[in-house]
PDB file of N, CA and C in Angstrom:
ATOM      1  N   MET A   1     201.449 -20.296  74.389  1.00  0.00           N
ATOM      2  CA  MET A   1     201.130 -19.834  73.053  1.00  0.00           C
ATOM      3  C   MET A   1     200.293 -20.915  72.370  1.00  0.00           C
ATOM      4  N   PRO A   2     199.235 -20.505  71.660  1.00  0.00           N
ATOM      5  CA  PRO A   2     198.398 -21.505  70.998  1.00  0.00           C
ATOM      6  C   PRO A   2     199.144 -22.190  69.859  1.00  0.00           C
ATOM      7  N   GLU A   3     198.739 -23.398  69.574  1.00  0.00           N
ATOM      8  CA  GLU A   3     199.302 -24.146  68.448  1.00  0.00           C
ATOM      9  C   GLU A   3     198.751 -23.546  67.156  1.00  0.00           C
ATOM     10  N   ILE A   4     199.640 -23.166  66.273  1.00  0.00           N
ATOM     11  CA  ILE A   4     199.247 -22.566  64.994  1.00  0.00           C
ATOM     12  C   ILE A   4     199.844 -23.410  63.879  1.00  0.00           C
ATOM     13  N   ASP A   5     198.990 -23.876  62.973  1.00  0.00           N
ATOM     14  CA  ASP A   5     199.480 -24.681  61.863  1.00  0.00           C
ATOM     15  C   ASP A   5     200.266 -23.802  60.895  1.00  0.00           C
ATOM     16  N   ASP A   6     201.077 -24.440  60.049  1.00  0.00           N
ATOM     17  CA  ASP A   6     201.968 -23.713  59.135  1.00  0.00           C
ATOM     18  C   ASP A   6     201.220 -22.776  58.192  1.00  0.00           C
ATOM     19  N   LYS A   7     200.097 -23.234  57.643  1.00  0.00           N
ATOM     20  CA  LYS A   7     199.336 -22.402  56.711  1.00  0.00           C
ATOM     21  C   LYS A   7     198.852 -21.131  57.409  1.00  0.00           C
ATOM     22  N   THR A   8     198.306 -21.274  58.599  1.00  0.00           N
ATOM     23  CA  THR A   8     197.815 -20.118  59.343  1.00  0.00           C
ATOM     24  C   THR A   8     198.964 -19.201  59.743  1.00  0.00           C
ATOM     25  N   ARG A   9     200.089 -19.762  60.162  1.00  0.00           N
ATOM     26  CA  ARG A   9     201.255 -18.970  60.539  1.00  0.00           C
ATOM     27  C   ARG A   9     201.731 -18.122  59.359  1.00  0.00           C
ATOM     28  N   ILE A  10     201.796 -18.744  58.176  1.00  0.00           N
ATOM     29  CA  ILE A  10     202.213 -18.022  56.975  1.00  0.00           C
ATOM     30  C   ILE A  10     201.228 -16.908  56.645  1.00  0.00           C
ATOM     31  N   GLU A  11     199.932 -17.181  56.791  1.00  0.00           N
ATOM     32  CA  GLU A  11     198.921 -16.153  56.529  1.00  0.00           C
ATOM     33  C   GLU A  11     199.045 -14.993  57.514  1.00  0.00           C
ATOM     34  N   LEU A  12     199.320 -15.300  58.778  1.00  0.00           N
ATOM     35  CA  LEU A  12     199.499 -14.256  59.788  1.00  0.00           C
ATOM     36  C   LEU A  12     200.748 -13.434  59.501  1.00  0.00           C
ATOM     37  N   GLU A  13     201.836 -14.103  59.146  1.00  0.00           N
ATOM     38  CA  GLU A  13     203.073 -13.400  58.810  1.00  0.00           C
ATOM     39  C   GLU A  13     202.875 -12.504  57.595  1.00  0.00           C
ATOM     40  N   ALA A  14     202.167 -13.013  56.598  1.00  0.00           N
ATOM     41  CA  ALA A  14     201.910 -12.229  55.387  1.00  0.00           C
ATOM     42  C   ALA A  14     201.049 -11.003  55.719  1.00  0.00           C
ATOM     43  N   ALA A  15     200.054 -11.181  56.577  1.00  0.00           N
ATOM     44  CA  ALA A  15     199.209 -10.051  56.972  1.00  0.00           C
ATOM     45  C   ALA A  15     200.024  -9.009  57.731  1.00  0.00           C
ATOM     46  N   ALA A  16     200.909  -9.457  58.606  1.00  0.00           N
ATOM     47  CA  ALA A  16     201.763  -8.525  59.353  1.00  0.00           C
ATOM     48  C   ALA A  16     202.701  -7.782  58.402  1.00  0.00           C
ATOM     49  N   PHE A  17     203.258  -8.487  57.424  1.00  0.00           N
ATOM     50  CA  PHE A  17     204.116  -7.835  56.433  1.00  0.00           C
ATOM     51  C   PHE A  17     203.334  -6.776  55.670  1.00  0.00           C
ATOM     52  N   ARG A  18     202.131  -7.117  55.200  1.00  0.00           N
ATOM     53  CA  ARG A  18     201.336  -6.157  54.436  1.00  0.00           C
ATOM     54  C   ARG A  18     201.010  -4.926  55.278  1.00  0.00           C
ATOM     55  N   ARG A  19     200.734  -5.138  56.549  1.00  0.00           N
ATOM     56  CA  ARG A  19     200.434  -4.008  57.428  1.00  0.00           C
ATOM     57  C   ARG A  19     201.675  -3.119  57.609  1.00  0.00           C
ATOM     58  N   LEU A  20     202.842  -3.723  57.782  1.00  0.00           N
ATOM     59  CA  LEU A  20     204.080  -2.960  57.889  1.00  0.00           C
ATOM     60  C   LEU A  20     204.337  -2.197  56.593  1.00  0.00           C
ATOM     61  N   ARG A  21     204.202  -2.866  55.457  1.00  0.00           N
ATOM     62  CA  ARG A  21     204.401  -2.221  54.150  1.00  0.00           C
ATOM     63  C   ARG A  21     203.458  -1.036  53.987  1.00  0.00           C
ATOM     64  N   ASP A  22     202.187  -1.237  54.291  1.00  0.00           N
ATOM     65  CA  ASP A  22     201.196  -0.170  54.149  1.00  0.00           C
ATOM     66  C   ASP A  22     201.500   0.986  55.101  1.00  0.00           C
ATOM     67  N   HIS A  23     201.908   0.660  56.307  1.00  0.00           N
ATOM     68  CA  HIS A  23     202.252   1.684  57.291  1.00  0.00           C
ATOM     69  C   HIS A  23     203.421   2.538  56.789  1.00  0.00           C
ATOM     70  N   LEU A  24     204.446   1.882  56.258  1.00  0.00           N
ATOM     71  CA  LEU A  24     205.601   2.612  55.733  1.00  0.00           C
ATOM     72  C   LEU A  24     205.229   3.447  54.514  1.00  0.00           C
ATOM     73  N   GLN A  25     204.293   2.961  53.706  1.00  0.00           N
ATOM     74  CA  GLN A  25     203.835   3.743  52.558  1.00  0.00           C
ATOM     75  C   GLN A  25     203.079   4.985  53.014  1.00  0.00           C
ATOM     76  N   GLU A  26     202.324   4.868  54.090  1.00  0.00           N
ATOM     77  CA  GLU A  26     201.567   6.004  54.610  1.00  0.00           C
ATOM     78  C   GLU A  26     202.466   7.009  55.328  1.00  0.00           C
ATOM     79  N   ARG A  27     203.523   6.536  55.961  1.00  0.00           N
ATOM     80  CA  ARG A  27     204.398   7.405  56.755  1.00  0.00           C
ATOM     81  C   ARG A  27     205.550   7.925  55.908  1.00  0.00           C
ATOM     82  N   THR A  28     205.204   8.667  54.886  1.00  0.00           N
ATOM     83  CA  THR A  28     206.225   9.225  54.002  1.00  0.00           C
ATOM     84  C   THR A  28     207.074  10.274  54.707  1.00  0.00           C
ATOM     85  N   ASP A  29     206.612  10.737  55.873  1.00  0.00           N
ATOM     86  CA  ASP A  29     207.393  11.694  56.643  1.00  0.00           C
ATOM     87  C   ASP A  29     208.587  11.048  57.332  1.00  0.00           C
ATOM     88  N   VAL A  30     208.555   9.737  57.461  1.00  0.00           N
ATOM     89  CA  VAL A  30     209.657   9.016  58.104  1.00  0.00           C
ATOM     90  C   VAL A  30     210.696   8.674  57.039  1.00  0.00           C
ATOM     91  N   GLN A  31     211.868   9.233  57.188  1.00  0.00           N
ATOM     92  CA  GLN A  31     212.939   9.037  56.225  1.00  0.00           C
ATOM     93  C   GLN A  31     213.625   7.687  56.447  1.00  0.00           C
ATOM     94  N   ASN A  32     214.133   7.107  55.376  1.00  0.00           N
ATOM     95  CA  ASN A  32     214.857   5.841  55.483  1.00  0.00           C
ATOM     96  C   ASN A  32     216.049   5.950  56.424  1.00  0.00           C
ATOM     97  N   ILE A  33     216.747   7.068  56.388  1.00  0.00           N
ATOM     98  CA  ILE A  33     217.924   7.217  57.239  1.00  0.00           C
ATOM     99  C   ILE A  33     217.519   7.170  58.714  1.00  0.00           C
ATOM    100  N   ASP A  34     216.346   7.716  59.038  1.00  0.00           N
ATOM    101  CA  ASP A  34     215.864   7.645  60.420  1.00  0.00           C
ATOM    102  C   ASP A  34     215.520   6.210  60.809  1.00  0.00           C
ATOM    103  N   LEU A  35     214.901   5.485  59.892  1.00  0.00           N
ATOM    104  CA  LEU A  35     214.615   4.071  60.146  1.00  0.00           C
ATOM    105  C   LEU A  35     215.906   3.296  60.390  1.00  0.00           C
ATOM    106  N   MET A  36     216.893   3.541  59.538  1.00  0.00           N
ATOM    107  CA  MET A  36     218.183   2.856  59.693  1.00  0.00           C
ATOM    108  C   MET A  36     218.829   3.209  61.026  1.00  0.00           C
ATOM    109  N   ASN A  37     218.799   4.474  61.379  1.00  0.00           N
ATOM    110  CA  ASN A  37     219.436   4.913  62.616  1.00  0.00           C
ATOM    111  C   ASN A  37     218.761   4.321  63.853  1.00  0.00           C
ATOM    112  N   LEU A  38     217.459   4.157  63.796  1.00  0.00           N
ATOM    113  CA  LEU A  38     216.724   3.662  64.965  1.00  0.00           C
ATOM    114  C   LEU A  38     216.572   2.147  65.007  1.00  0.00           C
ATOM    115  N   SER A  39     216.411   1.540  63.833  1.00  0.00           N
ATOM    116  CA  SER A  39     216.079   0.116  63.826  1.00  0.00           C
ATOM    117  C   SER A  39     217.067  -0.772  63.086  1.00  0.00           C
ATOM    118  N   GLY A  40     217.951  -0.168  62.298  1.00  0.00           N
ATOM    119  CA  GLY A  40     218.911  -0.971  61.555  1.00  0.00           C
ATOM    120  C   GLY A  40     218.370  -1.526  60.248  1.00  0.00           C
ATOM    121  N   PHE A  41     217.166  -1.092  59.859  1.00  0.00           N
ATOM    122  CA  PHE A  41     216.631  -1.465  58.545  1.00  0.00           C
ATOM    123  C   PHE A  41     215.750  -0.332  58.046  1.00  0.00           C
ATOM    124  N   CYS A  42     215.503  -0.341  56.726  1.00  0.00           N
ATOM    125  CA  CYS A  42     214.654   0.683  56.126  1.00  0.00           C
ATOM    126  C   CYS A  42     213.827   0.053  55.000  1.00  0.00           C
ATOM    127  N   ARG A  43     213.139   0.879  54.275  1.00  0.00           N
ATOM    128  CA  ARG A  43     212.316   0.398  53.159  1.00  0.00           C
ATOM    129  C   ARG A  43     213.162  -0.349  52.126  1.00  0.00           C
ATOM    130  N   ASN A  44     214.378   0.151  51.881  1.00  0.00           N
ATOM    131  CA  ASN A  44     215.240  -0.520  50.902  1.00  0.00           C
ATOM    132  C   ASN A  44     215.620  -1.914  51.383  1.00  0.00           C
ATOM    133  N   CYS A  45     215.897  -2.051  52.670  1.00  0.00           N
ATOM    134  CA  CYS A  45     216.212  -3.376  53.228  1.00  0.00           C
ATOM    135  C   CYS A  45     215.011  -4.304  53.045  1.00  0.00           C
ATOM    136  N   LEU A  46     213.836  -3.800  53.389  1.00  0.00           N
ATOM    137  CA  LEU A  46     212.623  -4.609  53.279  1.00  0.00           C
ATOM    138  C   LEU A  46     212.399  -5.048  51.832  1.00  0.00           C
ATOM    139  N   SER A  47     212.632  -4.147  50.892  1.00  0.00           N
ATOM    140  CA  SER A  47     212.451  -4.516  49.484  1.00  0.00           C
ATOM    141  C   SER A  47     213.504  -5.527  49.050  1.00  0.00           C
ATOM    142  N   ARG A  48     214.733  -5.415  49.572  1.00  0.00           N
ATOM    143  CA  ARG A  48     215.777  -6.393  49.245  1.00  0.00           C
ATOM    144  C   ARG A  48     215.400  -7.762  49.809  1.00  0.00           C
ATOM    145  N   TRP A  49     214.897  -7.798  51.036  1.00  0.00           N
ATOM    146  CA  TRP A  49     214.485  -9.070  51.642  1.00  0.00           C
ATOM    147  C   TRP A  49     213.341  -9.691  50.847  1.00  0.00           C
ATOM    148  N   TYR A  50     212.438  -8.851  50.359  1.00  0.00           N
ATOM    149  CA  TYR A  50     211.327  -9.335  49.541  1.00  0.00           C
ATOM    150  C   TYR A  50     211.861  -9.975  48.264  1.00  0.00           C
ATOM    151  N   GLY A  51     212.782  -9.289  47.607  1.00  0.00           N
ATOM    152  CA  GLY A  51     213.382  -9.811  46.385  1.00  0.00           C
ATOM    153  C   GLY A  51     214.135 -11.108  46.622  1.00  0.00           C
ATOM    154  N   GLU A  52     214.844 -11.191  47.748  1.00  0.00           N
ATOM    155  CA  GLU A  52     215.572 -12.415  48.092  1.00  0.00           C
ATOM    156  C   GLU A  52     214.608 -13.565  48.348  1.00  0.00           C
ATOM    157  N   ALA A  53     213.491 -13.286  49.021  1.00  0.00           N
ATOM    158  CA  ALA A  53     212.480 -14.320  49.270  1.00  0.00           C
ATOM    159  C   ALA A  53     211.870 -14.801  47.951  1.00  0.00           C
ATOM    160  N   ALA A  54     211.628 -13.859  47.044  1.00  0.00           N
ATOM    161  CA  ALA A  54     211.097 -14.233  45.731  1.00  0.00           C
ATOM    162  C   ALA A  54     212.089 -15.122  44.994  1.00  0.00           C
ATOM    163  N   ALA A  55     213.361 -14.759  45.025  1.00  0.00           N
ATOM    164  CA  ALA A  55     214.397 -15.549  44.349  1.00  0.00           C
ATOM    165  C   ALA A  55     214.460 -16.962  44.902  1.00  0.00           C
ATOM    166  N   GLU A  56     214.281 -17.104  46.218  1.00  0.00           N
ATOM    167  CA  GLU A  56     214.278 -18.439  46.828  1.00  0.00           C
ATOM    168  C   GLU A  56     213.133 -19.295  46.306  1.00  0.00           C
ATOM    169  N   GLN A  57     212.067 -18.639  45.826  1.00  0.00           N
ATOM    170  CA  GLN A  57     210.921 -19.348  45.250  1.00  0.00           C
ATOM    171  C   GLN A  57     211.012 -19.455  43.730  1.00  0.00           C
ATOM    172  N   GLY A  58     212.147 -19.032  43.169  1.00  0.00           N
ATOM    173  CA  GLY A  58     212.337 -19.109  41.728  1.00  0.00           C
ATOM    174  C   GLY A  58     211.688 -17.974  40.960  1.00  0.00           C
ATOM    175  N   ILE A  59     211.335 -16.894  41.657  1.00  0.00           N
ATOM    176  CA  ILE A  59     210.702 -15.733  41.026  1.00  0.00           C
ATOM    177  C   ILE A  59     211.751 -14.634  40.921  1.00  0.00           C
ATOM    178  N   GLU A  60     211.967 -14.167  39.705  1.00  0.00           N
ATOM    179  CA  GLU A  60     212.955 -13.109  39.501  1.00  0.00           C
ATOM    180  C   GLU A  60     212.270 -11.753  39.559  1.00  0.00           C
ATOM    181  N   LEU A  61     212.662 -10.967  40.536  1.00  0.00           N
ATOM    182  CA  LEU A  61     212.206  -9.582  40.649  1.00  0.00           C
ATOM    183  C   LEU A  61     213.429  -8.693  40.580  1.00  0.00           C
ATOM    184  N   SER A  62     213.336  -7.653  39.800  1.00  0.00           N
ATOM    185  CA  SER A  62     214.442  -6.706  39.770  1.00  0.00           C
ATOM    186  C   SER A  62     214.425  -5.888  41.060  1.00  0.00           C
ATOM    187  N   LYS A  63     215.511  -5.208  41.308  1.00  0.00           N
ATOM    188  CA  LYS A  63     215.604  -4.314  42.462  1.00  0.00           C
ATOM    189  C   LYS A  63     214.484  -3.271  42.394  1.00  0.00           C
ATOM    190  N   ASP A  64     214.258  -2.711  41.216  1.00  0.00           N
ATOM    191  CA  ASP A  64     213.206  -1.712  41.048  1.00  0.00           C
ATOM    192  C   ASP A  64     211.815  -2.296  41.286  1.00  0.00           C
ATOM    193  N   GLU A  65     211.586  -3.514  40.822  1.00  0.00           N
ATOM    194  CA  GLU A  65     210.278  -4.144  41.014  1.00  0.00           C
ATOM    195  C   GLU A  65     210.005  -4.413  42.490  1.00  0.00           C
ATOM    196  N   SER A  66     210.987  -4.929  43.209  1.00  0.00           N
ATOM    197  CA  SER A  66     210.758  -5.197  44.629  1.00  0.00           C
ATOM    198  C   SER A  66     210.620  -3.891  45.419  1.00  0.00           C
ATOM    199  N   ARG A  67     211.338  -2.855  45.016  1.00  0.00           N
ATOM    200  CA  ARG A  67     211.178  -1.556  45.681  1.00  0.00           C
ATOM    201  C   ARG A  67     209.785  -0.995  45.440  1.00  0.00           C
ATOM    202  N   GLU A  68     209.267  -1.142  44.238  1.00  0.00           N
ATOM    203  CA  GLU A  68     207.930  -0.623  43.948  1.00  0.00           C
ATOM    204  C   GLU A  68     206.874  -1.323  44.797  1.00  0.00           C
ATOM    205  N   ILE A  69     207.063  -2.607  45.074  1.00  0.00           N
ATOM    206  CA  ILE A  69     206.139  -3.336  45.934  1.00  0.00           C
ATOM    207  C   ILE A  69     206.134  -2.739  47.340  1.00  0.00           C
ATOM    208  N   VAL A  70     207.307  -2.408  47.853  1.00  0.00           N
ATOM    209  CA  VAL A  70     207.414  -1.863  49.202  1.00  0.00           C
ATOM    210  C   VAL A  70     207.022  -0.388  49.251  1.00  0.00           C
ATOM    211  N   TYR A  71     207.485   0.401  48.292  1.00  0.00           N
ATOM    212  CA  TYR A  71     207.221   1.843  48.301  1.00  0.00           C
ATOM    213  C   TYR A  71     205.815   2.200  47.808  1.00  0.00           C
ATOM    214  N   GLY A  72     205.192   1.313  47.033  1.00  0.00           N
ATOM    215  CA  GLY A  72     203.868   1.594  46.488  1.00  0.00           C
ATOM    216  C   GLY A  72     203.906   2.466  45.241  1.00  0.00           C
ATOM    217  N   MET A  73     205.106   2.714  44.729  1.00  0.00           N
ATOM    218  CA  MET A  73     205.319   3.510  43.517  1.00  0.00           C
ATOM    219  C   MET A  73     206.771   3.303  43.116  1.00  0.00           C
ATOM    220  N   PRO A  74     207.140   3.699  41.921  1.00  0.00           N
ATOM    221  CA  PRO A  74     208.552   3.597  41.556  1.00  0.00           C
ATOM    222  C   PRO A  74     209.419   4.371  42.552  1.00  0.00           C
ATOM    223  N   PHE A  75     210.563   3.790  42.896  1.00  0.00           N
ATOM    224  CA  PHE A  75     211.442   4.384  43.905  1.00  0.00           C
ATOM    225  C   PHE A  75     211.838   5.807  43.553  1.00  0.00           C
ATOM    226  N   ASN A  76     212.182   6.064  42.295  1.00  0.00           N
ATOM    227  CA  ASN A  76     212.592   7.416  41.891  1.00  0.00           C
ATOM    228  C   ASN A  76     211.479   8.431  42.126  1.00  0.00           C
ATOM    229  N   GLU A  77     210.229   7.997  41.917  1.00  0.00           N
ATOM    230  CA  GLU A  77     209.089   8.880  42.160  1.00  0.00           C
ATOM    231  C   GLU A  77     208.955   9.161  43.661  1.00  0.00           C
ATOM    232  N   TRP A  78     209.051   8.110  44.483  1.00  0.00           N
ATOM    233  CA  TRP A  78     208.969   8.278  45.941  1.00  0.00           C
ATOM    234  C   TRP A  78     210.082   9.203  46.423  1.00  0.00           C
ATOM    235  N   LYS A  79     211.283   8.948  45.923  1.00  0.00           N
ATOM    236  CA  LYS A  79     212.447   9.737  46.327  1.00  0.00           C
ATOM    237  C   LYS A  79     212.243  11.220  45.991  1.00  0.00           C
ATOM    238  N   ALA A  80     211.755  11.511  44.797  1.00  0.00           N
ATOM    239  CA  ALA A  80     211.534  12.893  44.386  1.00  0.00           C
ATOM    240  C   ALA A  80     210.444  13.571  45.218  1.00  0.00           C
ATOM    241  N   LYS A  81     209.405  12.811  45.585  1.00  0.00           N
ATOM    242  CA  LYS A  81     208.293  13.381  46.344  1.00  0.00           C
ATOM    243  C   LYS A  81     208.596  13.531  47.831  1.00  0.00           C
ATOM    244  N   TYR A  82     209.294  12.544  48.412  1.00  0.00           N
ATOM    245  CA  TYR A  82     209.327  12.459  49.863  1.00  0.00           C
ATOM    246  C   TYR A  82     210.702  12.467  50.517  1.00  0.00           C
ATOM    247  N   GLN A  83     211.735  12.116  49.805  1.00  0.00           N
ATOM    248  CA  GLN A  83     213.039  12.003  50.457  1.00  0.00           C
ATOM    249  C   GLN A  83     213.688  13.369  50.608  1.00  0.00           C
ATOM    250  N   GLY A  84     213.990  13.702  51.841  1.00  0.00           N
ATOM    251  CA  GLY A  84     214.664  14.966  52.110  1.00  0.00           C
ATOM    252  C   GLY A  84     216.163  14.772  52.174  1.00  0.00           C
ATOM    253  N   GLU A  85     216.864  15.871  52.251  1.00  0.00           N
ATOM    254  CA  GLU A  85     218.322  15.844  52.388  1.00  0.00           C
ATOM    255  C   GLU A  85     218.648  15.448  53.826  1.00  0.00           C
ATOM    256  N   ALA A  86     219.539  14.495  53.986  1.00  0.00           N
ATOM    257  CA  ALA A  86     219.934  14.055  55.331  1.00  0.00           C
ATOM    258  C   ALA A  86     220.773  15.140  56.001  1.00  0.00           C
ATOM    259  N   SER A  87     220.461  15.399  57.253  1.00  0.00           N
ATOM    260  CA  SER A  87     221.219  16.391  58.015  1.00  0.00           C
ATOM    261  C   SER A  87     222.570  15.802  58.417  1.00  0.00           C
ATOM    262  N   ALA A  88     223.458  16.664  58.849  1.00  0.00           N
ATOM    263  CA  ALA A  88     224.768  16.206  59.323  1.00  0.00           C
ATOM    264  C   ALA A  88     224.594  15.274  60.520  1.00  0.00           C
ATOM    265  N   ASP A  89     223.634  15.580  61.394  1.00  0.00           N
ATOM    266  CA  ASP A  89     223.372  14.736  62.558  1.00  0.00           C
ATOM    267  C   ASP A  89     222.867  13.355  62.125  1.00  0.00           C
ATOM    268  N   GLN A  90     221.947  13.318  61.169  1.00  0.00           N
ATOM    269  CA  GLN A  90     221.441  12.031  60.664  1.00  0.00           C
ATOM    270  C   GLN A  90     222.568  11.218  60.042  1.00  0.00           C
ATOM    271  N   GLN A  91     223.422  11.868  59.271  1.00  0.00           N
ATOM    272  CA  GLN A  91     224.532  11.167  58.618  1.00  0.00           C
ATOM    273  C   GLN A  91     225.525  10.630  59.647  1.00  0.00           C
ATOM    274  N   ALA A  92     225.783  11.389  60.696  1.00  0.00           N
ATOM    275  CA  ALA A  92     226.704  10.933  61.747  1.00  0.00           C
ATOM    276  C   ALA A  92     226.122   9.729  62.474  1.00  0.00           C
ATOM    277  N   LYS A  93     224.837   9.794  62.809  1.00  0.00           N
ATOM    278  CA  LYS A  93     224.176   8.658  63.471  1.00  0.00           C
ATOM    279  C   LYS A  93     224.185   7.433  62.560  1.00  0.00           C
ATOM    280  N   PHE A  94     223.986   7.656  61.265  1.00  0.00           N
ATOM    281  CA  PHE A  94     223.993   6.561  60.305  1.00  0.00           C
ATOM    282  C   PHE A  94     225.366   5.888  60.275  1.00  0.00           C
ATOM    283  N   SER A  95     226.417   6.685  60.257  1.00  0.00           N
ATOM    284  CA  SER A  95     227.779   6.132  60.263  1.00  0.00           C
ATOM    285  C   SER A  95     228.014   5.263  61.491  1.00  0.00           C
ATOM    286  N   GLU A  96     227.520   5.714  62.627  1.00  0.00           N
ATOM    287  CA  GLU A  96     227.663   4.935  63.868  1.00  0.00           C
ATOM    288  C   GLU A  96     226.796   3.676  63.821  1.00  0.00           C
ATOM    289  N   ALA A  97     225.591   3.800  63.305  1.00  0.00           N
ATOM    290  CA  ALA A  97     224.690   2.649  63.228  1.00  0.00           C
ATOM    291  C   ALA A  97     225.255   1.565  62.327  1.00  0.00           C
ATOM    292  N   ILE A  98     225.846   1.968  61.216  1.00  0.00           N
ATOM    293  CA  ILE A  98     226.439   0.993  60.283  1.00  0.00           C
ATOM    294  C   ILE A  98     227.559   0.228  60.980  1.00  0.00           C
ATOM    295  N   LYS A  99     228.399   0.912  61.721  1.00  0.00           N
ATOM    296  CA  LYS A  99     229.489   0.258  62.450  1.00  0.00           C
ATOM    297  C   LYS A  99     228.935  -0.776  63.424  1.00  0.00           C
ATOM    298  N   ALA A 100     227.834  -0.464  64.068  1.00  0.00           N
ATOM    299  CA  ALA A 100     227.250  -1.369  65.064  1.00  0.00           C
ATOM    300  C   ALA A 100     226.678  -2.633  64.435  1.00  0.00           C
ATOM    301  N   HIS A 101     226.312  -2.567  63.144  1.00  0.00           N
ATOM    302  CA  HIS A 101     225.696  -3.720  62.483  1.00  0.00           C
ATOM    303  C   HIS A 101     226.715  -4.588  61.731  1.00  0.00           C
ATOM    304  N   HIS A 102     227.978  -4.211  61.764  1.00  0.00           N
ATOM    305  CA  HIS A 102     228.993  -5.012  61.064  1.00  0.00           C
ATOM    306  C   HIS A 102     229.857  -5.739  62.029  1.00  0.00           C
TER     307      HIS A 102
END
């Protein structure tokens, strides 16, 4: 692996994060529950991690503010436009996935 200085590494990580954020904003057909069931994280997790990273830098972001950064709009607006009702199968898989992560 090539030697990468800290500044460049941070820039690469930031670019990868922005690409993931943008991808999730474009894929409104992918429900958070499906993300959780398959990967163990979702948009809400990503927004929480963003808020925690900001707090470590002394920047206060509310839960709503960090969610808006990840969702690209206020969470309630995204939820009303794109979030569907979770099926019984999705909810069962979610219950199992949560057990596996604790």
